[in-house]
Amino acid sequence: MGMVLSVPGNTMDVAGVPGNNKYVIKTATFSGTYAGASLTATDLGLESIHILIAQSESGGYVAQYDYTNATLDLFEAGADGAALDEASGTVAAVVRFIAYGR
């Protein structure tokens, strides 16, 4: 599955340096068969990711960064009434996130 990173429509290519840290704001567009999406610090122009906060703009999924596997994952409510299940099958979603790191 492909994921394309872009700058959110209402911002410039935002980056900054608060203290010794850097931050970037990006939009990830998911389309096609979902299998998690690799997202490393290098992809974002960072050496390491301290924290990544993600919010779904469209698609109805809950986005979460997996620090252990360096992936941006999507979750959805399952019919079983249990905790959120990781998305599967064909997915169309847009996720906006901010990542802090070095």
C-alpha atoms as a PDB file:
ATOM      1  CA  MET A   1       0.000   0.000   0.000  1.00  0.00           C
ATOM      2  CA  GLY A   2       1.225   3.445  -0.776  1.00  0.00           C
ATOM      3  CA  MET A   3       1.264   6.446   1.500  1.00  0.00           C
ATOM      4  CA  VAL A   4       2.077   9.925   0.182  1.00  0.00           C
ATOM      5  CA  LEU A   5       3.328  12.654   2.544  1.00  0.00           C
ATOM      6  CA  SER A   6       2.337  16.223   1.767  1.00  0.00           C
ATOM      7  CA  VAL A   7       1.898  19.581   3.443  1.00  0.00           C
ATOM      8  CA  PRO A   8      -1.630  20.279   4.800  1.00  0.00           C
ATOM      9  CA  GLY A   9      -3.623  22.585   2.529  1.00  0.00           C
ATOM     10  CA  ASN A  10      -3.901  25.489   4.950  1.00  0.00           C
ATOM     11  CA  THR A  11      -0.224  25.618   6.007  1.00  0.00           C
ATOM     12  CA  MET A  12       3.197  26.170   4.533  1.00  0.00           C
ATOM     13  CA  ASP A  13       5.833  23.437   4.732  1.00  0.00           C
ATOM     14  CA  VAL A  14       5.967  23.877   8.498  1.00  0.00           C
ATOM     15  CA  ALA A  15       9.044  23.029  10.498  1.00  0.00           C
ATOM     16  CA  GLY A  16      10.657  24.649  13.494  1.00  0.00           C
ATOM     17  CA  VAL A  17      13.285  24.298  16.172  1.00  0.00           C
ATOM     18  CA  PRO A  18      11.899  24.524  19.751  1.00  0.00           C
ATOM     19  CA  GLY A  19      15.058  24.270  21.852  1.00  0.00           C
ATOM     20  CA  ASN A  20      17.254  21.463  20.538  1.00  0.00           C
ATOM     21  CA  ASN A  21      14.262  19.721  18.973  1.00  0.00           C
ATOM     22  CA  LYS A  22      12.699  20.002  15.549  1.00  0.00           C
ATOM     23  CA  TYR A  23       9.127  19.474  14.491  1.00  0.00           C
ATOM     24  CA  VAL A  24       7.371  18.806  11.202  1.00  0.00           C
ATOM     25  CA  ILE A  25       3.693  18.875  10.261  1.00  0.00           C
ATOM     26  CA  LYS A  26       2.639  16.587   7.420  1.00  0.00           C
ATOM     27  CA  THR A  27      -0.389  14.953   5.868  1.00  0.00           C
ATOM     28  CA  ALA A  28      -0.345  11.236   5.048  1.00  0.00           C
ATOM     29  CA  THR A  29      -2.767  10.031   2.383  1.00  0.00           C
ATOM     30  CA  PHE A  30      -3.559   6.311   2.476  1.00  0.00           C
ATOM     31  CA  SER A  31      -5.006   4.585  -0.578  1.00  0.00           C
ATOM     32  CA  GLY A  32      -5.198   0.995  -1.678  1.00  0.00           C
ATOM     33  CA  THR A  33      -4.668  -2.198   0.259  1.00  0.00           C
ATOM     34  CA  TYR A  34      -3.756  -1.393   3.863  1.00  0.00           C
ATOM     35  CA  ALA A  35      -0.830  -3.121   5.525  1.00  0.00           C
ATOM     36  CA  GLY A  36       0.464  -0.367   7.841  1.00  0.00           C
ATOM     37  CA  ALA A  37       2.744   2.315   6.491  1.00  0.00           C
ATOM     38  CA  SER A  38       6.439   2.578   7.256  1.00  0.00           C
ATOM     39  CA  LEU A  39       7.277   6.035   8.623  1.00  0.00           C
ATOM     40  CA  THR A  40      10.795   6.617   9.899  1.00  0.00           C
ATOM     41  CA  ALA A  41      12.518   9.681  11.320  1.00  0.00           C
ATOM     42  CA  THR A  42      14.553   9.901   8.107  1.00  0.00           C
ATOM     43  CA  ASP A  43      11.317  10.137   6.059  1.00  0.00           C
ATOM     44  CA  LEU A  44      10.557  13.302   8.020  1.00  0.00           C
ATOM     45  CA  GLY A  45      14.046  14.828   7.907  1.00  0.00           C
ATOM     46  CA  LEU A  46      14.702  13.944  11.549  1.00  0.00           C
ATOM     47  CA  GLU A  47      17.333  11.797  13.262  1.00  0.00           C
ATOM     48  CA  SER A  48      14.826  10.409  15.777  1.00  0.00           C
ATOM     49  CA  ILE A  49      11.135  10.785  16.631  1.00  0.00           C
ATOM     50  CA  HIS A  50      10.393  11.735  20.245  1.00  0.00           C
ATOM     51  CA  ILE A  51       6.621  11.932  19.796  1.00  0.00           C
ATOM     52  CA  LEU A  52       4.211  11.807  16.878  1.00  0.00           C
ATOM     53  CA  ILE A  53       0.629  12.998  17.315  1.00  0.00           C
ATOM     54  CA  ALA A  54      -1.758  11.992  14.542  1.00  0.00           C
ATOM     55  CA  GLN A  55      -5.380  12.848  13.777  1.00  0.00           C
ATOM     56  CA  SER A  56      -7.573  11.526  10.989  1.00  0.00           C
ATOM     57  CA  GLU A  57      -8.892  14.198   8.612  1.00  0.00           C
ATOM     58  CA  SER A  58     -11.034  11.793   6.624  1.00  0.00           C
ATOM     59  CA  GLY A  59     -11.902   8.131   6.421  1.00  0.00           C
ATOM     60  CA  GLY A  60     -13.169   7.677   9.981  1.00  0.00           C
ATOM     61  CA  TYR A  61     -10.092   5.824  11.207  1.00  0.00           C
ATOM     62  CA  VAL A  62      -8.056   6.357  14.374  1.00  0.00           C
ATOM     63  CA  ALA A  63      -4.393   6.941  13.537  1.00  0.00           C
ATOM     64  CA  GLN A  64      -1.557   5.945  15.849  1.00  0.00           C
ATOM     65  CA  TYR A  65       2.227   5.852  15.485  1.00  0.00           C
ATOM     66  CA  ASP A  66       3.916   2.552  16.391  1.00  0.00           C
ATOM     67  CA  TYR A  67       7.328   3.574  17.780  1.00  0.00           C
ATOM     68  CA  THR A  68       8.631  -0.005  17.953  1.00  0.00           C
ATOM     69  CA  ASN A  69       7.933  -0.829  14.301  1.00  0.00           C
ATOM     70  CA  ALA A  70       8.160   2.748  12.911  1.00  0.00           C
ATOM     71  CA  THR A  71       4.747   2.587  11.229  1.00  0.00           C
ATOM     72  CA  LEU A  72       1.744   4.885  11.025  1.00  0.00           C
ATOM     73  CA  ASP A  73      -1.215   2.592  11.706  1.00  0.00           C
ATOM     74  CA  LEU A  74      -4.962   2.977  11.231  1.00  0.00           C
ATOM     75  CA  PHE A  75      -7.597   1.466  13.506  1.00  0.00           C
ATOM     76  CA  GLU A  76     -11.365   1.109  13.218  1.00  0.00           C
ATOM     77  CA  ALA A  77     -14.266  -0.001  15.380  1.00  0.00           C
ATOM     78  CA  GLY A  78     -14.964  -3.674  14.900  1.00  0.00           C
ATOM     79  CA  ALA A  79     -18.393  -5.266  15.006  1.00  0.00           C
ATOM     80  CA  ASP A  80     -17.270  -7.429  17.939  1.00  0.00           C
ATOM     81  CA  GLY A  81     -17.550  -4.566  20.448  1.00  0.00           C
ATOM     82  CA  ALA A  82     -13.937  -5.055  21.562  1.00  0.00           C
ATOM     83  CA  ALA A  83     -11.101  -2.534  21.415  1.00  0.00           C
ATOM     84  CA  LEU A  84     -10.243  -0.989  18.054  1.00  0.00           C
ATOM     85  CA  ASP A  85      -9.058  -3.376  15.355  1.00  0.00           C
ATOM     86  CA  GLU A  86      -6.266  -2.507  12.950  1.00  0.00           C
ATOM     87  CA  ALA A  87      -7.685  -1.602   9.540  1.00  0.00           C
ATOM     88  CA  SER A  88      -7.546  -4.160   6.752  1.00  0.00           C
ATOM     89  CA  GLY A  89      -8.504  -4.421   3.123  1.00  0.00           C
ATOM     90  CA  THR A  90      -8.883  -1.357   0.947  1.00  0.00           C
ATOM     91  CA  VAL A  91      -8.451   1.907   2.846  1.00  0.00           C
ATOM     92  CA  ALA A  92      -8.869   5.551   1.829  1.00  0.00           C
ATOM     93  CA  ALA A  93      -7.897   7.997   4.552  1.00  0.00           C
ATOM     94  CA  VAL A  94      -6.046  11.250   5.177  1.00  0.00           C
ATOM     95  CA  VAL A  95      -4.110  11.719   8.430  1.00  0.00           C
ATOM     96  CA  ARG A  96      -2.527  14.960   9.625  1.00  0.00           C
ATOM     97  CA  PHE A  97       0.308  14.678  12.125  1.00  0.00           C
ATOM     98  CA  ILE A  98       2.992  16.593  13.971  1.00  0.00           C
ATOM     99  CA  ALA A  99       6.255  14.888  14.841  1.00  0.00           C
ATOM    100  CA  TYR A 100       8.840  16.187  17.324  1.00  0.00           C
ATOM    101  CA  GLY A 101      12.350  14.872  17.325  1.00  0.00           C
ATOM    102  CA  ARG A 102      15.987  15.613  16.563  1.00  0.00           C
END
